Amino acid sequence: MNSLSLALKQLRYQNTAFWRNPVAAFFTFVFPLMFLVILNLLFGSHDLEVPGGTVNTSTFYVPAIGALSVITTCYTNLAIWMSFSRDEGILKRIRGAPIPTWSFLVGRIAHAVLLGLLLMAIVAAAGVLFYDVDLPTNTLPAFVVTLALGAATFCALGLAVMKVIPNAEASPAIVNASILPLMFISDIFIPLHDAPGWLTTFANIFPVRHLSVAMQTSFNPFEEGLGFEPVHLLVLAAWMAAGMLIALRTFSWEPRR
């Protein structure tokens, strides 16, 4: 059996294990929908200025919560799961098993990416059904490309952040502390069009804002072009390359002493 077939089998195993834990699966899907409902209850009655016109705030929150879903599944959940697997010796046993290590990693990462895309589809469907959000069709390829690149970027960063996680018990605190503050200043929970310049400059250093802005552009119903944001996508690609480099150099298959 070749390595690609083993990677697909690993993907199928991860998918089966995920759905056999119904409580975890339930809250994985409820979490972004809960944010979508709460934020629309708080801010959904307002109009928002976007390039080309005015939209209701729900149109802002669908791609924003989609970005949140991708980050949660591909960064937060992946890093925490890998940390626990490392401390429990699962990664060490996989390292000594006949399966190529890259097949295991590809299968695990592919599952996180597909889960993020599924969450985005559910959030978009909820926006259309309950909040009268229009799905732009001319920018759909840009939206899909941005989602895929964002998912790959945060998967790479999820593996890279394990370098600073000393043990599994510390992983939720470290991972959430590294990502939640950025969400509040990166157009995820609140549209920050009037934010101080220094805060926007600081947010632009990190990939969260670039993913959010690129998704907002590709979801803008007034966008006349293809919806691609080359600069933001290049920044995401640079962060993905940096994350992959750090992960390749520092990833540990054995528990930390």
Protein backbone atom coordinates (compact mmCIF):
# COMPACT_ATOMS: atom_id res chain seq x y z
CA MET A 1 0.00 0.00 0.00
CA ASN A 2 1.47 3.37 -1.01
CA SER A 3 1.80 6.39 1.26
CA LEU A 4 -1.09 8.27 -0.32
CA SER A 5 -3.47 5.37 0.35
CA LEU A 6 -2.29 5.29 3.95
CA ALA A 7 -2.93 9.03 4.25
CA LEU A 8 -6.49 8.53 2.97
CA LYS A 9 -7.00 5.70 5.45
CA GLN A 10 -5.74 7.96 8.23
CA LEU A 11 -8.20 10.62 7.09
CA ARG A 12 -11.03 8.10 7.20
CA TYR A 13 -9.95 6.97 10.66
CA GLN A 14 -9.87 10.55 11.97
CA ASN A 15 -13.32 11.18 10.52
CA THR A 16 -14.73 8.01 12.10
CA ALA A 17 -13.17 8.80 15.48
CA PHE A 18 -14.56 12.34 15.33
CA TRP A 19 -18.15 11.28 14.67
CA ARG A 20 -17.95 8.52 17.28
CA ASN A 21 -17.51 11.22 19.90
CA PRO A 22 -20.95 12.83 19.53
CA VAL A 23 -20.56 15.34 22.36
CA ALA A 24 -17.36 16.79 20.90
CA ALA A 25 -18.84 16.77 17.39
CA PHE A 26 -22.01 18.50 18.61
CA PHE A 27 -20.20 21.38 20.28
CA THR A 28 -17.75 21.71 17.38
CA PHE A 29 -20.69 22.61 15.15
CA VAL A 30 -22.76 24.48 17.72
CA PHE A 31 -19.88 26.75 18.80
CA PRO A 32 -19.68 28.90 15.60
CA LEU A 33 -23.46 28.92 15.15
CA MET A 34 -23.85 30.13 18.73
CA PHE A 35 -21.49 33.03 18.02
CA LEU A 36 -23.38 33.81 14.81
CA VAL A 37 -26.69 34.02 16.68
CA ILE A 38 -25.34 36.03 19.64
CA LEU A 39 -23.47 38.56 17.52
CA ASN A 40 -26.47 39.04 15.24
CA LEU A 41 -28.71 39.57 18.26
CA LEU A 42 -26.33 42.23 19.56
CA PHE A 43 -25.34 43.98 16.34
CA GLY A 44 -27.45 42.55 13.52
CA SER A 45 -29.87 45.46 13.31
CA HIS A 46 -27.18 47.89 12.15
CA ASP A 47 -25.98 48.65 8.64
CA LEU A 48 -22.33 48.47 7.72
CA GLU A 49 -20.40 50.39 5.09
CA VAL A 50 -18.41 48.13 2.76
CA PRO A 51 -16.57 48.95 -0.48
CA GLY A 52 -19.30 49.59 -3.03
CA GLY A 53 -22.31 50.02 -0.77
CA THR A 54 -24.06 49.20 2.49
CA VAL A 55 -24.94 45.76 3.86
CA ASN A 56 -26.55 44.53 7.04
CA THR A 57 -24.18 43.38 9.75
CA SER A 58 -25.15 39.75 9.21
CA THR A 59 -23.32 39.86 5.88
CA PHE A 60 -20.19 40.80 7.82
CA TYR A 61 -20.59 38.07 10.43
CA VAL A 62 -21.00 35.12 8.07
CA PRO A 63 -17.43 35.26 6.67
CA ALA A 64 -16.12 36.45 10.07
CA ILE A 65 -17.56 33.41 11.87
CA GLY A 66 -16.35 31.29 8.96
CA ALA A 67 -12.82 32.52 9.67
CA LEU A 68 -13.38 31.74 13.35
CA SER A 69 -14.44 28.19 12.42
CA VAL A 70 -11.34 27.63 10.31
CA ILE A 71 -9.03 28.96 13.03
CA THR A 72 -10.73 26.89 15.73
CA THR A 73 -10.56 23.59 13.86
CA CYS A 74 -7.20 24.04 12.14
CA TYR A 75 -5.25 25.81 14.87
CA THR A 76 -6.84 25.50 18.30
CA ASN A 77 -8.26 21.99 18.10
CA LEU A 78 -5.32 20.59 16.12
CA ALA A 79 -2.67 21.95 18.50
CA ILE A 80 -4.52 20.77 21.61
CA TRP A 81 -5.22 17.32 20.14
CA MET A 82 -1.62 16.86 19.05
CA SER A 83 -0.36 17.95 22.47
CA PHE A 84 -2.49 15.38 24.26
CA SER A 85 -1.50 12.70 21.73
CA ARG A 86 2.16 13.54 22.32
CA ASP A 87 1.86 13.33 26.12
CA GLU A 88 -0.12 10.09 26.00
CA GLY A 89 2.56 8.46 23.85
CA ILE A 90 0.31 8.09 20.81
CA LEU A 91 2.65 10.08 18.56
CA LYS A 92 5.63 8.05 19.76
CA ARG A 93 3.88 4.79 18.86
CA ILE A 94 2.88 6.17 15.46
CA ARG A 95 6.47 7.25 14.89
CA GLY A 96 7.56 3.63 15.39
CA ALA A 97 4.72 2.15 13.33
CA PRO A 98 5.06 1.14 9.66
CA ILE A 99 2.88 4.07 8.51
CA PRO A 100 4.97 6.95 7.09
CA THR A 101 4.87 9.92 9.42
CA TRP A 102 3.84 12.27 6.63
CA SER A 103 0.84 10.06 5.84
CA PHE A 104 -0.31 10.38 9.44
CA LEU A 105 0.16 14.16 9.45
CA VAL A 106 -1.51 14.64 6.06
CA GLY A 107 -4.50 12.58 7.17
CA ARG A 108 -4.86 14.52 10.42
CA ILE A 109 -4.43 17.92 8.76
CA ALA A 110 -6.76 17.05 5.89
CA HIS A 111 -9.47 16.15 8.40
CA ALA A 112 -9.08 19.52 10.13
CA VAL A 113 -9.24 21.36 6.78
CA LEU A 114 -12.34 19.49 5.61
CA LEU A 115 -14.01 20.06 8.96
CA GLY A 116 -13.31 23.79 8.70
CA LEU A 117 -14.79 23.89 5.19
CA LEU A 118 -17.89 22.02 6.38
CA LEU A 119 -18.35 24.46 9.25
CA MET A 120 -18.07 27.36 6.81
CA ALA A 121 -20.75 25.82 4.61
CA ILE A 122 -23.07 25.41 7.61
CA VAL A 123 -22.49 28.99 8.76
CA ALA A 124 -23.14 30.29 5.23
CA ALA A 125 -26.34 28.23 5.00
CA ALA A 126 -27.52 29.60 8.35
CA GLY A 127 -26.82 33.13 7.12
CA VAL A 128 -28.89 32.58 3.98
CA LEU A 129 -31.79 30.86 5.75
CA PHE A 130 -32.14 33.03 8.86
CA TYR A 131 -30.45 36.37 8.18
CA ASP A 132 -31.20 37.07 4.49
CA VAL A 133 -27.53 36.99 3.54
CA ASP A 134 -26.84 36.83 -0.19
CA LEU A 135 -24.16 34.44 -1.33
CA PRO A 136 -21.97 36.11 -3.98
CA THR A 137 -21.46 33.85 -6.97
CA ASN A 138 -18.88 35.74 -9.02
CA THR A 139 -16.39 35.72 -6.14
CA LEU A 140 -17.04 32.13 -5.02
CA PRO A 141 -13.68 30.82 -6.38
CA ALA A 142 -11.83 33.50 -4.39
CA PHE A 143 -13.81 32.56 -1.30
CA VAL A 144 -12.90 28.88 -1.64
CA VAL A 145 -9.22 29.62 -2.33
CA THR A 146 -9.04 31.96 0.68
CA LEU A 147 -10.67 29.34 2.90
CA ALA A 148 -8.31 26.59 1.74
CA LEU A 149 -5.19 28.75 2.13
CA GLY A 150 -6.33 29.98 5.54
CA ALA A 151 -6.98 26.42 6.71
CA ALA A 152 -3.54 25.26 5.54
CA THR A 153 -1.89 28.27 7.19
CA PHE A 154 -3.44 27.70 10.58
CA CYS A 155 -2.78 23.95 10.44
CA ALA A 156 0.91 24.73 9.94
CA LEU A 157 0.82 27.22 12.81
CA GLY A 158 -1.02 24.70 14.99
CA LEU A 159 1.89 22.28 14.58
CA ALA A 160 4.45 25.05 15.07
CA VAL A 161 2.96 26.32 18.34
CA MET A 162 3.55 22.91 19.93
CA LYS A 163 7.16 24.03 20.35
CA VAL A 164 6.12 26.30 23.24
CA ILE A 165 3.60 23.89 24.81
CA PRO A 166 5.39 22.06 27.65
CA ASN A 167 2.60 19.56 28.37
CA ALA A 168 -0.96 18.73 27.39
CA GLU A 169 -2.51 20.38 30.45
CA ALA A 170 -1.00 23.70 29.43
CA SER A 171 -2.08 23.47 25.79
CA PRO A 172 -5.62 24.98 26.08
CA ALA A 173 -4.31 28.01 27.98
CA ILE A 174 -1.35 28.64 25.67
CA VAL A 175 -3.25 28.08 22.43
CA ASN A 176 -6.23 30.23 23.40
CA ALA A 177 -4.01 32.98 24.81
CA SER A 178 -2.15 33.11 21.49
CA ILE A 179 -5.24 33.44 19.31
CA LEU A 180 -8.25 34.91 21.18
CA PRO A 181 -6.85 38.45 21.68
CA LEU A 182 -6.02 38.60 17.96
CA MET A 183 -9.61 37.77 17.06
CA PHE A 184 -10.90 40.83 18.90
CA ILE A 185 -8.62 43.17 16.93
CA SER A 186 -8.88 41.43 13.55
CA ASP A 187 -12.48 41.96 12.41
CA ILE A 188 -13.75 38.64 13.73
CA PHE A 189 -16.09 39.56 16.58
CA ILE A 190 -16.36 43.31 15.97
CA PRO A 191 -15.92 45.32 12.75
CA LEU A 192 -13.08 47.69 13.61
CA HIS A 193 -13.33 50.24 10.83
CA ASP A 194 -12.61 53.14 13.20
CA ALA A 195 -9.86 51.46 15.21
CA PRO A 196 -6.69 53.40 16.08
CA GLY A 197 -4.03 53.23 13.41
CA TRP A 198 -1.49 51.61 15.70
CA LEU A 199 -3.94 48.84 16.57
CA THR A 200 -4.62 48.09 12.90
CA THR A 201 -0.88 48.08 12.19
CA PHE A 202 -0.32 45.64 15.05
CA ALA A 203 -3.16 43.37 13.86
CA ASN A 204 -1.74 43.37 10.33
CA ILE A 205 1.39 41.62 11.60
CA PHE A 206 -0.56 38.44 12.27
CA PRO A 207 -2.46 36.14 9.89
CA VAL A 208 -5.88 36.37 11.58
CA ARG A 209 -6.69 39.80 10.19
CA HIS A 210 -5.44 38.90 6.72
CA LEU A 211 -7.71 35.86 6.63
CA SER A 212 -10.68 37.89 7.86
CA VAL A 213 -10.17 40.75 5.39
CA ALA A 214 -9.64 38.40 2.45
CA MET A 215 -12.80 36.48 3.31
CA GLN A 216 -14.78 39.71 3.72
CA THR A 217 -13.68 40.89 0.28
CA SER A 218 -14.57 37.59 -1.37
CA PHE A 219 -17.98 37.70 0.35
CA ASN A 220 -18.75 41.32 -0.53
CA PRO A 221 -21.91 41.38 -2.73
CA PHE A 222 -20.73 44.63 -4.37
CA GLU A 223 -17.34 43.27 -5.40
CA GLU A 224 -17.02 43.72 -9.16
CA GLY A 225 -13.76 41.82 -9.62
CA LEU A 226 -12.88 38.22 -8.86
CA GLY A 227 -12.66 38.90 -5.12
CA PHE A 228 -9.03 37.92 -4.62
CA GLU A 229 -6.85 39.86 -2.18
CA PRO A 230 -3.30 39.13 -3.43
CA VAL A 231 -1.49 40.96 -0.62
CA HIS A 232 -3.46 39.28 2.15
CA LEU A 233 -3.13 35.88 0.49
CA LEU A 234 0.63 36.34 0.15
CA VAL A 235 0.88 37.19 3.85
CA LEU A 236 -1.09 34.05 4.69
CA ALA A 237 1.22 32.01 2.46
CA ALA A 238 4.26 33.52 4.20
CA TRP A 239 2.87 32.59 7.61
CA MET A 240 2.13 29.09 6.32
CA ALA A 241 5.73 28.69 5.11
CA ALA A 242 7.06 29.98 8.44
CA GLY A 243 4.80 27.61 10.37
CA MET A 244 5.87 24.65 8.25
CA LEU A 245 9.54 25.50 8.71
CA ILE A 246 9.21 25.79 12.49
CA ALA A 247 7.19 22.58 12.67
CA LEU A 248 9.73 20.66 10.60
CA ARG A 249 12.59 21.83 12.82
CA THR A 250 10.97 21.58 16.24
CA PHE A 251 8.12 19.03 16.09
CA SER A 252 8.54 16.36 18.75
CA TRP A 253 6.97 12.93 18.60
CA GLU A 254 7.86 12.07 22.19
CA PRO A 255 6.48 13.53 25.46
CA ARG A 256 8.41 16.41 26.94
CA ARG A 257 10.50 15.51 29.97
